Amino acid sequence: AYEVKGFCEHIASISDYYRVNMALMSKDVRKELFDVDKPIYTKV
């Protein structure tokens, strides 16, 4: 087993989906999740 540390959220319900989206309101969460050195890419 390999431990995952830091922000890691599992979406298993509509309530989870809402909660994890709203976690992005935290500056610390955004900084960790959208690391400039390891960007999250998407279709532009």
All heavy atoms as atom14 arrays in JSON, in Angstrom:
{
  "sequence": "AYEVKGFCEHIASISDYYRVNMALMSKDVRKELFDVDKPIYTKV",
  "atom14_mask": [
    [1, 1, 1, 1, 1, 0, 0, 0, 0, 0, 0, 0, 0, 0],
    [1, 1, 1, 1, 1, 1, 1, 1, 1, 1, 1, 1, 0, 0],
    [1, 1, 1, 1, 1, 1, 1, 1, 1, 0, 0, 0, 0, 0],
    [1, 1, 1, 1, 1, 1, 1, 0, 0, 0, 0, 0, 0, 0],
    [1, 1, 1, 1, 1, 1, 1, 1, 1, 0, 0, 0, 0, 0],
    [1, 1, 1, 1, 0, 0, 0, 0, 0, 0, 0, 0, 0, 0],
    [1, 1, 1, 1, 1, 1, 1, 1, 1, 1, 1, 0, 0, 0],
    [1, 1, 1, 1, 1, 1, 0, 0, 0, 0, 0, 0, 0, 0],
    [1, 1, 1, 1, 1, 1, 1, 1, 1, 0, 0, 0, 0, 0],
    [1, 1, 1, 1, 1, 1, 1, 1, 1, 1, 0, 0, 0, 0],
    [1, 1, 1, 1, 1, 1, 1, 1, 0, 0, 0, 0, 0, 0],
    [1, 1, 1, 1, 1, 0, 0, 0, 0, 0, 0, 0, 0, 0],
    [1, 1, 1, 1, 1, 1, 0, 0, 0, 0, 0, 0, 0, 0],
    [1, 1, 1, 1, 1, 1, 1, 1, 0, 0, 0, 0, 0, 0],
    [1, 1, 1, 1, 1, 1, 0, 0, 0, 0, 0, 0, 0, 0],
    [1, 1, 1, 1, 1, 1, 1, 1, 0, 0, 0, 0, 0, 0],
    [1, 1, 1, 1, 1, 1, 1, 1, 1, 1, 1, 1, 0, 0],
    [1, 1, 1, 1, 1, 1, 1, 1, 1, 1, 1, 1, 0, 0],
    [1, 1, 1, 1, 1, 1, 1, 1, 1, 1, 1, 0, 0, 0],
    [1, 1, 1, 1, 1, 1, 1, 0, 0, 0, 0, 0, 0, 0],
    [1, 1, 1, 1, 1, 1, 1, 1, 0, 0, 0, 0, 0, 0],
    [1, 1, 1, 1, 1, 1, 1, 1, 0, 0, 0, 0, 0, 0],
    [1, 1, 1, 1, 1, 0, 0, 0, 0, 0, 0, 0, 0, 0],
    [1, 1, 1, 1, 1, 1, 1, 1, 0, 0, 0, 0, 0, 0],
    [1, 1, 1, 1, 1, 1, 1, 1, 0, 0, 0, 0, 0, 0],
    [1, 1, 1, 1, 1, 1, 0, 0, 0, 0, 0, 0, 0, 0],
    [1, 1, 1, 1, 1, 1, 1, 1, 1, 0, 0, 0, 0, 0],
    [1, 1, 1, 1, 1, 1, 1, 1, 0, 0, 0, 0, 0, 0],
    [1, 1, 1, 1, 1, 1, 1, 0, 0, 0, 0, 0, 0, 0],
    [1, 1, 1, 1, 1, 1, 1, 1, 1, 1, 1, 0, 0, 0],
    [1, 1, 1, 1, 1, 1, 1, 1, 1, 0, 0, 0, 0, 0],
    [1, 1, 1, 1, 1, 1, 1, 1, 1, 0, 0, 0, 0, 0],
    [1, 1, 1, 1, 1, 1, 1, 1, 0, 0, 0, 0, 0, 0],
    [1, 1, 1, 1, 1, 1, 1, 1, 1, 1, 1, 0, 0, 0],
    [1, 1, 1, 1, 1, 1, 1, 1, 0, 0, 0, 0, 0, 0],
    [1, 1, 1, 1, 1, 1, 1, 0, 0, 0, 0, 0, 0, 0],
    [1, 1, 1, 1, 1, 1, 1, 1, 0, 0, 0, 0, 0, 0],
    [1, 1, 1, 1, 1, 1, 1, 1, 1, 0, 0, 0, 0, 0],
    [1, 1, 1, 1, 1, 1, 1, 0, 0, 0, 0, 0, 0, 0],
    [1, 1, 1, 1, 1, 1, 1, 1, 0, 0, 0, 0, 0, 0],
    [1, 1, 1, 1, 1, 1, 1, 1, 1, 1, 1, 1, 0, 0],
    [1, 1, 1, 1, 1, 1, 1, 0, 0, 0, 0, 0, 0, 0],
    [1, 1, 1, 1, 1, 1, 1, 1, 1, 0, 0, 0, 0, 0],
    [1, 1, 1, 1, 1, 1, 1, 0, 0, 0, 0, 0, 0, 0]
  ],
  "atom14_positions": [
    [[0.84, -1.19, 0.0], [0.0, 0.0, 0.0], [0.88, 1.25, 0.0], [1.92, 1.29, 0.66], [-0.93, 0.0, 1.21], [0.0, 0.0, 0.0], [0.0, 0.0, 0.0], [0.0, 0.0, 0.0], [0.0, 0.0, 0.0], [0.0, 0.0, 0.0], [0.0, 0.0, 0.0], [0.0, 0.0, 0.0], [0.0, 0.0, 0.0], [0.0, 0.0, 0.0]],
    [[0.45, 2.26, -0.75], [1.18, 3.52, -0.85], [0.26, 4.64, -0.38], [-0.84, 4.82, -0.91], [1.6, 3.76, -2.3], [2.36, 5.05, -2.53], [3.73, 5.1, -2.35], [1.69, 6.2, -2.95], [4.44, 6.29, -2.57], [2.38, 7.38, -3.17], [3.76, 7.42, -2.98], [4.45, 8.58, -3.2], [0.0, 0.0, 0.0], [0.0, 0.0, 0.0]],
    [[0.72, 5.4, 0.63], [-0.14, 6.42, 1.22], [-0.18, 7.68, 0.36], [0.84, 8.22, -0.06], [0.33, 6.79, 2.62], [-0.59, 7.79, 3.31], [-0.16, 8.13, 4.73], [0.89, 7.6, 5.19], [-0.89, 8.89, 5.39], [0.0, 0.0, 0.0], [0.0, 0.0, 0.0], [0.0, 0.0, 0.0], [0.0, 0.0, 0.0], [0.0, 0.0, 0.0]],
    [[-1.39, 8.16, 0.12], [-1.61, 9.43, -0.57], [-1.78, 10.5, 0.48], [-2.65, 10.4, 1.35], [-2.87, 9.36, -1.46], [-3.14, 10.71, -2.12], [-2.72, 8.27, -2.52], [0.0, 0.0, 0.0], [0.0, 0.0, 0.0], [0.0, 0.0, 0.0], [0.0, 0.0, 0.0], [0.0, 0.0, 0.0], [0.0, 0.0, 0.0], [0.0, 0.0, 0.0]],
    [[-0.97, 11.54, 0.4], [-1.05, 12.63, 1.36], [-1.55, 13.89, 0.66], [-1.51, 14.01, -0.54], [0.31, 12.87, 2.01], [0.82, 11.66, 2.8], [2.16, 11.94, 3.45], [2.65, 10.72, 4.24], [3.96, 10.94, 4.88], [0.0, 0.0, 0.0], [0.0, 0.0, 0.0], [0.0, 0.0, 0.0], [0.0, 0.0, 0.0], [0.0, 0.0, 0.0]],
    [[-2.02, 14.83, 1.47], [-2.52, 16.08, 0.89], [-3.96, 15.94, 0.43], [-4.68, 15.02, 0.82], [0.0, 0.0, 0.0], [0.0, 0.0, 0.0], [0.0, 0.0, 0.0], [0.0, 0.0, 0.0], [0.0, 0.0, 0.0], [0.0, 0.0, 0.0], [0.0, 0.0, 0.0], [0.0, 0.0, 0.0], [0.0, 0.0, 0.0], [0.0, 0.0, 0.0]],
    [[-4.39, 16.86, -0.42], [-5.78, 16.91, -0.86], [-6.09, 15.72, -1.77], [-5.49, 15.55, -2.83], [-6.07, 18.22, -1.59], [-7.52, 18.4, -1.92], [-8.38, 18.97, -0.98], [-8.04, 18.01, -3.14], [-9.73, 19.14, -1.27], [-9.38, 18.18, -3.44], [-10.23, 18.75, -2.5], [0.0, 0.0, 0.0], [0.0, 0.0, 0.0], [0.0, 0.0, 0.0]],
    [[-7.02, 14.9, -1.34], [-7.44, 13.73, -2.11], [-8.87, 13.43, -1.69], [-9.12, 12.98, -0.58], [-6.52, 12.54, -1.83], [-7.05, 11.0, -2.62], [0.0, 0.0, 0.0], [0.0, 0.0, 0.0], [0.0, 0.0, 0.0], [0.0, 0.0, 0.0], [0.0, 0.0, 0.0], [0.0, 0.0, 0.0], [0.0, 0.0, 0.0], [0.0, 0.0, 0.0]],
    [[-9.82, 13.7, -2.57], [-11.23, 13.53, -2.24], [-11.89, 12.57, -3.22], [-11.67, 12.63, -4.43], [-11.96, 14.88, -2.27], [-11.51, 15.85, -1.17], [-11.97, 15.41, 0.21], [-12.86, 14.55, 0.29], [-11.44, 15.94, 1.2], [0.0, 0.0, 0.0], [0.0, 0.0, 0.0], [0.0, 0.0, 0.0], [0.0, 0.0, 0.0], [0.0, 0.0, 0.0]],
    [[-12.71, 11.69, -2.65], [-13.4, 10.65, -3.41], [-14.86, 11.07, -3.61], [-15.56, 11.37, -2.65], [-13.33, 9.33, -2.64], [-13.82, 8.15, -3.39], [-13.09, 7.5, -4.35], [-15.0, 7.49, -3.34], [-13.77, 6.5, -4.84], [-14.95, 6.48, -4.24], [0.0, 0.0, 0.0], [0.0, 0.0, 0.0], [0.0, 0.0, 0.0], [0.0, 0.0, 0.0]],
    [[-15.32, 11.12, -4.86], [-16.69, 11.53, -5.16], [-17.55, 10.29, -5.36], [-17.4, 9.56, -6.34], [-16.73, 12.43, -6.41], [-15.97, 13.72, -6.15], [-18.18, 12.73, -6.8], [-15.89, 14.65, -7.33], [0.0, 0.0, 0.0], [0.0, 0.0, 0.0], [0.0, 0.0, 0.0], [0.0, 0.0, 0.0], [0.0, 0.0, 0.0], [0.0, 0.0, 0.0]],
    [[-18.45, 10.05, -4.4], [-19.28, 8.85, -4.44], [-20.77, 9.17, -4.31], [-21.58, 8.27, -4.17], [-18.87, 7.88, -3.34], [0.0, 0.0, 0.0], [0.0, 0.0, 0.0], [0.0, 0.0, 0.0], [0.0, 0.0, 0.0], [0.0, 0.0, 0.0], [0.0, 0.0, 0.0], [0.0, 0.0, 0.0], [0.0, 0.0, 0.0], [0.0, 0.0, 0.0]],
    [[-21.12, 10.46, -4.38], [-22.52, 10.86, -4.27], [-22.66, 12.3, -4.75], [-21.66, 13.01, -4.91], [-23.03, 10.74, -2.83], [-22.38, 11.7, -2.01], [0.0, 0.0, 0.0], [0.0, 0.0, 0.0], [0.0, 0.0, 0.0], [0.0, 0.0, 0.0], [0.0, 0.0, 0.0], [0.0, 0.0, 0.0], [0.0, 0.0, 0.0], [0.0, 0.0, 0.0]],
    [[-23.89, 12.73, -4.96], [-24.11, 14.1, -5.38], [-23.69, 15.07, -4.28], [-23.2, 16.17, -4.55], [-25.59, 14.31, -5.78], [-25.77, 15.63, -6.55], [-26.5, 14.24, -4.58], [-25.28, 15.6, -7.95], [0.0, 0.0, 0.0], [0.0, 0.0, 0.0], [0.0, 0.0, 0.0], [0.0, 0.0, 0.0], [0.0, 0.0, 0.0], [0.0, 0.0, 0.0]],
    [[-23.84, 14.65, -3.01], [-23.39, 15.49, -1.89], [-21.87, 15.62, -1.89], [-21.33, 16.71, -1.62], [-23.88, 14.91, -0.56], [-25.29, 14.93, -0.48], [0.0, 0.0, 0.0], [0.0, 0.0, 0.0], [0.0, 0.0, 0.0], [0.0, 0.0, 0.0], [0.0, 0.0, 0.0], [0.0, 0.0, 0.0], [0.0, 0.0, 0.0], [0.0, 0.0, 0.0]],
    [[-21.18, 14.52, -2.19], [-19.72, 14.58, -2.3], [-19.3, 15.53, -3.42], [-18.36, 16.31, -3.28], [-19.14, 13.18, -2.61], [-19.12, 12.27, -1.4], [-19.28, 12.77, -0.28], [-18.95, 11.06, -1.6], [0.0, 0.0, 0.0], [0.0, 0.0, 0.0], [0.0, 0.0, 0.0], [0.0, 0.0, 0.0], [0.0, 0.0, 0.0], [0.0, 0.0, 0.0]],
    [[-20.0, 15.42, -4.55], [-19.68, 16.28, -5.7], [-19.8, 17.75, -5.31], [-18.92, 18.56, -5.62], [-20.62, 15.95, -6.85], [-20.44, 16.84, -8.06], [-19.39, 16.63, -8.95], [-21.31, 17.9, -8.3], [-19.22, 17.45, -10.05], [-21.15, 18.72, -9.39], [-20.1, 18.5, -10.26], [-19.93, 19.34, -11.36], [0.0, 0.0, 0.0], [0.0, 0.0, 0.0]],
    [[-20.87, 18.09, -4.62], [-21.08, 19.47, -4.2], [-20.0, 19.89, -3.2], [-19.38, 20.95, -3.34], [-22.46, 19.62, -3.56], [-22.76, 21.02, -3.08], [-23.23, 21.98, -3.95], [-22.54, 21.36, -1.74], [-23.49, 23.27, -3.51], [-22.79, 22.65, -1.3], [-23.27, 23.6, -2.18], [-23.5, 24.88, -1.74], [0.0, 0.0, 0.0], [0.0, 0.0, 0.0]],
    [[-19.73, 19.04, -2.23], [-18.76, 19.37, -1.18], [-17.36, 19.57, -1.74], [-16.66, 20.53, -1.37], [-18.75, 18.25, -0.13], [-17.7, 18.41, 0.96], [-17.75, 17.24, 1.94], [-17.63, 15.95, 1.29], [-16.48, 15.42, 0.87], [-15.34, 16.08, 1.07], [-16.46, 14.23, 0.3], [0.0, 0.0, 0.0], [0.0, 0.0, 0.0], [0.0, 0.0, 0.0]],
    [[-16.94, 18.69, -2.65], [-15.57, 18.78, -3.18], [-15.43, 20.0, -4.09], [-14.39, 20.66, -4.1], [-15.2, 17.47, -3.92], [-13.81, 17.58, -4.52], [-15.27, 16.29, -2.97], [0.0, 0.0, 0.0], [0.0, 0.0, 0.0], [0.0, 0.0, 0.0], [0.0, 0.0, 0.0], [0.0, 0.0, 0.0], [0.0, 0.0, 0.0], [0.0, 0.0, 0.0]],
    [[-16.47, 20.3, -4.86], [-16.44, 21.55, -5.64], [-16.28, 22.75, -4.74], [-15.46, 23.64, -4.98], [-17.73, 21.68, -6.47], [-17.6, 21.12, -7.87], [-17.12, 21.79, -8.79], [-18.01, 19.87, -8.03], [0.0, 0.0, 0.0], [0.0, 0.0, 0.0], [0.0, 0.0, 0.0], [0.0, 0.0, 0.0], [0.0, 0.0, 0.0], [0.0, 0.0, 0.0]],
    [[-17.07, 22.79, -3.67], [-17.03, 23.93, -2.77], [-15.72, 24.03, -1.99], [-15.37, 25.11, -1.5], [-18.22, 23.89, -1.81], [-19.54, 24.22, -2.49], [-19.48, 25.86, -3.25], [-20.97, 25.85, -4.24], [0.0, 0.0, 0.0], [0.0, 0.0, 0.0], [0.0, 0.0, 0.0], [0.0, 0.0, 0.0], [0.0, 0.0, 0.0], [0.0, 0.0, 0.0]],
    [[-14.99, 22.92, -1.9], [-13.67, 22.97, -1.25], [-12.71, 23.88, -2.0], [-11.73, 24.39, -1.44], [-13.09, 21.57, -1.13], [0.0, 0.0, 0.0], [0.0, 0.0, 0.0], [0.0, 0.0, 0.0], [0.0, 0.0, 0.0], [0.0, 0.0, 0.0], [0.0, 0.0, 0.0], [0.0, 0.0, 0.0], [0.0, 0.0, 0.0], [0.0, 0.0, 0.0]],
    [[-12.99, 24.12, -3.29], [-12.13, 24.99, -4.09], [-12.19, 26.45, -3.65], [-11.37, 27.27, -4.08], [-12.53, 24.89, -5.57], [-12.4, 23.52, -6.23], [-12.81, 23.6, -7.69], [-10.99, 22.98, -6.1], [0.0, 0.0, 0.0], [0.0, 0.0, 0.0], [0.0, 0.0, 0.0], [0.0, 0.0, 0.0], [0.0, 0.0, 0.0], [0.0, 0.0, 0.0]],
    [[-13.16, 26.79, -2.81], [-13.22, 28.15, -2.29], [-12.04, 28.44, -1.37], [-11.71, 29.6, -1.11], [-14.54, 28.37, -1.53], [-15.77, 28.23, -2.39], [-15.76, 29.4, -3.77], [-17.24, 28.89, -4.63], [0.0, 0.0, 0.0], [0.0, 0.0, 0.0], [0.0, 0.0, 0.0], [0.0, 0.0, 0.0], [0.0, 0.0, 0.0], [0.0, 0.0, 0.0]],
    [[-11.39, 27.4, -0.87], [-10.22, 27.57, -0.02], [-8.98, 27.82, -0.88], [-8.65, 27.04, -1.78], [-10.01, 26.3, 0.83], [-8.72, 26.31, 1.43], [0.0, 0.0, 0.0], [0.0, 0.0, 0.0], [0.0, 0.0, 0.0], [0.0, 0.0, 0.0], [0.0, 0.0, 0.0], [0.0, 0.0, 0.0], [0.0, 0.0, 0.0], [0.0, 0.0, 0.0]],
    [[-8.29, 28.89, -0.57], [-7.06, 29.23, -1.3], [-6.02, 28.14, -1.16], [-5.3, 27.81, -2.12], [-6.52, 30.56, -0.79], [-5.27, 31.03, -1.51], [-4.79, 32.38, -0.96], [-3.51, 32.82, -1.66], [-3.04, 34.14, -1.12], [0.0, 0.0, 0.0], [0.0, 0.0, 0.0], [0.0, 0.0, 0.0], [0.0, 0.0, 0.0], [0.0, 0.0, 0.0]],
    [[-5.92, 27.55, 0.03], [-4.93, 26.49, 0.26], [-5.24, 25.26, -0.59], [-4.32, 24.62, -1.11], [-4.91, 26.12, 1.74], [-4.35, 27.23, 2.62], [-3.61, 28.08, 2.09], [-4.65, 27.24, 3.82], [0.0, 0.0, 0.0], [0.0, 0.0, 0.0], [0.0, 0.0, 0.0], [0.0, 0.0, 0.0], [0.0, 0.0, 0.0], [0.0, 0.0, 0.0]],
    [[-6.51, 24.91, -0.72], [-6.89, 23.77, -1.55], [-6.55, 24.04, -3.0], [-5.98, 23.18, -3.7], [-8.4, 23.46, -1.39], [-8.85, 22.44, -2.45], [-8.69, 22.92, 0.01], [0.0, 0.0, 0.0], [0.0, 0.0, 0.0], [0.0, 0.0, 0.0], [0.0, 0.0, 0.0], [0.0, 0.0, 0.0], [0.0, 0.0, 0.0], [0.0, 0.0, 0.0]],
    [[-6.88, 25.22, -3.49], [-6.57, 25.55, -4.89], [-5.07, 25.51, -5.15], [-4.61, 25.03, -6.18], [-7.13, 26.93, -5.25], [-8.65, 27.02, -5.23], [-9.14, 28.26, -5.98], [-8.57, 29.5, -5.47], [-9.07, 30.21, -4.47], [-10.17, 29.77, -3.85], [-8.51, 31.34, -4.09], [0.0, 0.0, 0.0], [0.0, 0.0, 0.0], [0.0, 0.0, 0.0]],
    [[-4.3, 26.03, -4.2], [-2.84, 26.05, -4.37], [-2.27, 24.65, -4.45], [-1.36, 24.38, -5.25], [-2.2, 26.82, -3.22], [-0.69, 26.98, -3.34], [-0.14, 27.8, -2.18], [1.38, 27.95, -2.3], [1.93, 28.74, -1.17], [0.0, 0.0, 0.0], [0.0, 0.0, 0.0], [0.0, 0.0, 0.0], [0.0, 0.0, 0.0], [0.0, 0.0, 0.0]],
    [[-2.8, 23.74, -3.64], [-2.3, 22.37, -3.63], [-2.79, 21.58, -4.84], [-2.02, 20.83, -5.46], [-2.74, 21.67, -2.35], [-2.22, 20.24, -2.23], [-2.62, 19.57, -0.94], [-3.05, 20.27, 0.0], [-2.51, 18.33, -0.86], [0.0, 0.0, 0.0], [0.0, 0.0, 0.0], [0.0, 0.0, 0.0], [0.0, 0.0, 0.0], [0.0, 0.0, 0.0]],
    [[-4.06, 21.72, -5.17], [-4.64, 20.93, -6.26], [-4.15, 21.4, -7.62], [-3.87, 20.58, -8.5], [-6.16, 21.0, -6.19], [-6.95, 20.05, -7.08], [-6.58, 18.59, -6.8], [-8.44, 20.25, -6.88], [0.0, 0.0, 0.0], [0.0, 0.0, 0.0], [0.0, 0.0, 0.0], [0.0, 0.0, 0.0], [0.0, 0.0, 0.0], [0.0, 0.0, 0.0]],
    [[-4.02, 22.71, -7.79], [-3.6, 23.27, -9.07], [-2.17, 23.8, -8.96], [-1.91, 24.99, -9.09], [-4.58, 24.35, -9.52], [-6.0, 23.86, -9.62], [-6.95, 24.26, -8.7], [-6.37, 22.98, -10.62], [-8.26, 23.79, -8.78], [-7.67, 22.51, -10.71], [-8.61, 22.91, -9.79], [0.0, 0.0, 0.0], [0.0, 0.0, 0.0], [0.0, 0.0, 0.0]],
    [[-1.26, 22.88, -8.68], [0.16, 23.17, -8.52], [0.73, 23.68, -9.85], [0.57, 23.02, -10.89], [0.89, 21.89, -8.08], [2.33, 22.13, -7.69], [2.93, 23.11, -8.17], [2.87, 21.32, -6.91], [0.0, 0.0, 0.0], [0.0, 0.0, 0.0], [0.0, 0.0, 0.0], [0.0, 0.0, 0.0], [0.0, 0.0, 0.0], [0.0, 0.0, 0.0]],
    [[1.4, 24.82, -9.83], [1.93, 25.4, -11.07], [3.0, 24.51, -11.69], [3.23, 24.56, -12.91], [2.49, 26.82, -10.83], [1.39, 27.78, -10.46], [3.58, 26.8, -9.75], [0.0, 0.0, 0.0], [0.0, 0.0, 0.0], [0.0, 0.0, 0.0], [0.0, 0.0, 0.0], [0.0, 0.0, 0.0], [0.0, 0.0, 0.0], [0.0, 0.0, 0.0]],
    [[3.67, 23.7, -10.88], [4.7, 22.81, -11.4], [4.11, 21.5, -11.94], [4.77, 20.78, -12.69], [5.72, 22.48, -10.32], [6.5, 23.71, -9.87], [6.81, 24.55, -10.74], [6.79, 23.83, -8.67], [0.0, 0.0, 0.0], [0.0, 0.0, 0.0], [0.0, 0.0, 0.0], [0.0, 0.0, 0.0], [0.0, 0.0, 0.0], [0.0, 0.0, 0.0]],
    [[2.87, 21.21, -11.54], [2.18, 20.01, -12.03], [0.74, 20.4, -12.37], [-0.19, 20.07, -11.67], [2.2, 18.91, -10.96], [3.58, 18.43, -10.54], [3.49, 17.32, -9.5], [2.9, 17.83, -8.19], [2.79, 16.75, -7.18], [0.0, 0.0, 0.0], [0.0, 0.0, 0.0], [0.0, 0.0, 0.0], [0.0, 0.0, 0.0], [0.0, 0.0, 0.0]],
    [[0.57, 21.1, -13.49], [-0.74, 21.67, -13.81], [-1.79, 20.6, -14.09], [-1.48, 19.48, -14.52], [-0.47, 22.5, -15.07], [1.02, 22.65, -15.15], [1.59, 21.44, -14.49], [0.0, 0.0, 0.0], [0.0, 0.0, 0.0], [0.0, 0.0, 0.0], [0.0, 0.0, 0.0], [0.0, 0.0, 0.0], [0.0, 0.0, 0.0], [0.0, 0.0, 0.0]],
    [[-3.05, 20.97, -13.85], [-4.17, 20.16, -14.3], [-4.64, 20.75, -15.63], [-5.06, 21.91, -15.69], [-5.32, 20.17, -13.28], [-4.83, 19.64, -11.93], [-6.49, 19.32, -13.79], [-4.33, 18.21, -11.93], [0.0, 0.0, 0.0], [0.0, 0.0, 0.0], [0.0, 0.0, 0.0], [0.0, 0.0, 0.0], [0.0, 0.0, 0.0], [0.0, 0.0, 0.0]],
    [[-4.5, 19.97, -16.68], [-4.83, 20.45, -18.02], [-6.28, 20.12, -18.37], [-6.9, 19.22, -17.81], [-3.91, 19.79, -19.05], [-2.44, 20.0, -18.79], [-1.67, 19.0, -18.21], [-1.81, 21.19, -19.12], [-0.31, 19.18, -17.97], [-0.45, 21.4, -18.89], [0.29, 20.38, -18.31], [1.62, 20.56, -18.07], [0.0, 0.0, 0.0], [0.0, 0.0, 0.0]],
    [[-6.8, 20.85, -19.34], [-8.14, 20.59, -19.85], [-8.24, 21.12, -21.27], [-7.36, 21.86, -21.74], [-9.21, 21.24, -18.95], [-10.51, 20.78, -19.33], [-9.17, 22.77, -19.04], [0.0, 0.0, 0.0], [0.0, 0.0, 0.0], [0.0, 0.0, 0.0], [0.0, 0.0, 0.0], [0.0, 0.0, 0.0], [0.0, 0.0, 0.0], [0.0, 0.0, 0.0]],
    [[-9.3, 20.75, -21.95], [-9.54, 21.28, -23.29], [-9.83, 22.77, -23.19], [-10.64, 23.2, -22.38], [-10.73, 20.56, -23.93], [-11.09, 21.08, -25.31], [-12.33, 20.39, -25.84], [-12.74, 20.97, -27.19], [-13.99, 20.34, -27.71], [0.0, 0.0, 0.0], [0.0, 0.0, 0.0], [0.0, 0.0, 0.0], [0.0, 0.0, 0.0], [0.0, 0.0, 0.0]],
    [[-9.17, 23.54, -24.03], [-9.32, 25.0, -23.98], [-10.48, 25.42, -24.88], [-10.58, 25.01, -26.03], [-8.03, 25.7, -24.44], [-8.23, 27.21, -24.48], [-6.88, 25.35, -23.49], [0.0, 0.0, 0.0], [0.0, 0.0, 0.0], [0.0, 0.0, 0.0], [0.0, 0.0, 0.0], [0.0, 0.0, 0.0], [0.0, 0.0, 0.0], [0.0, 0.0, 0.0]]
  ]
}
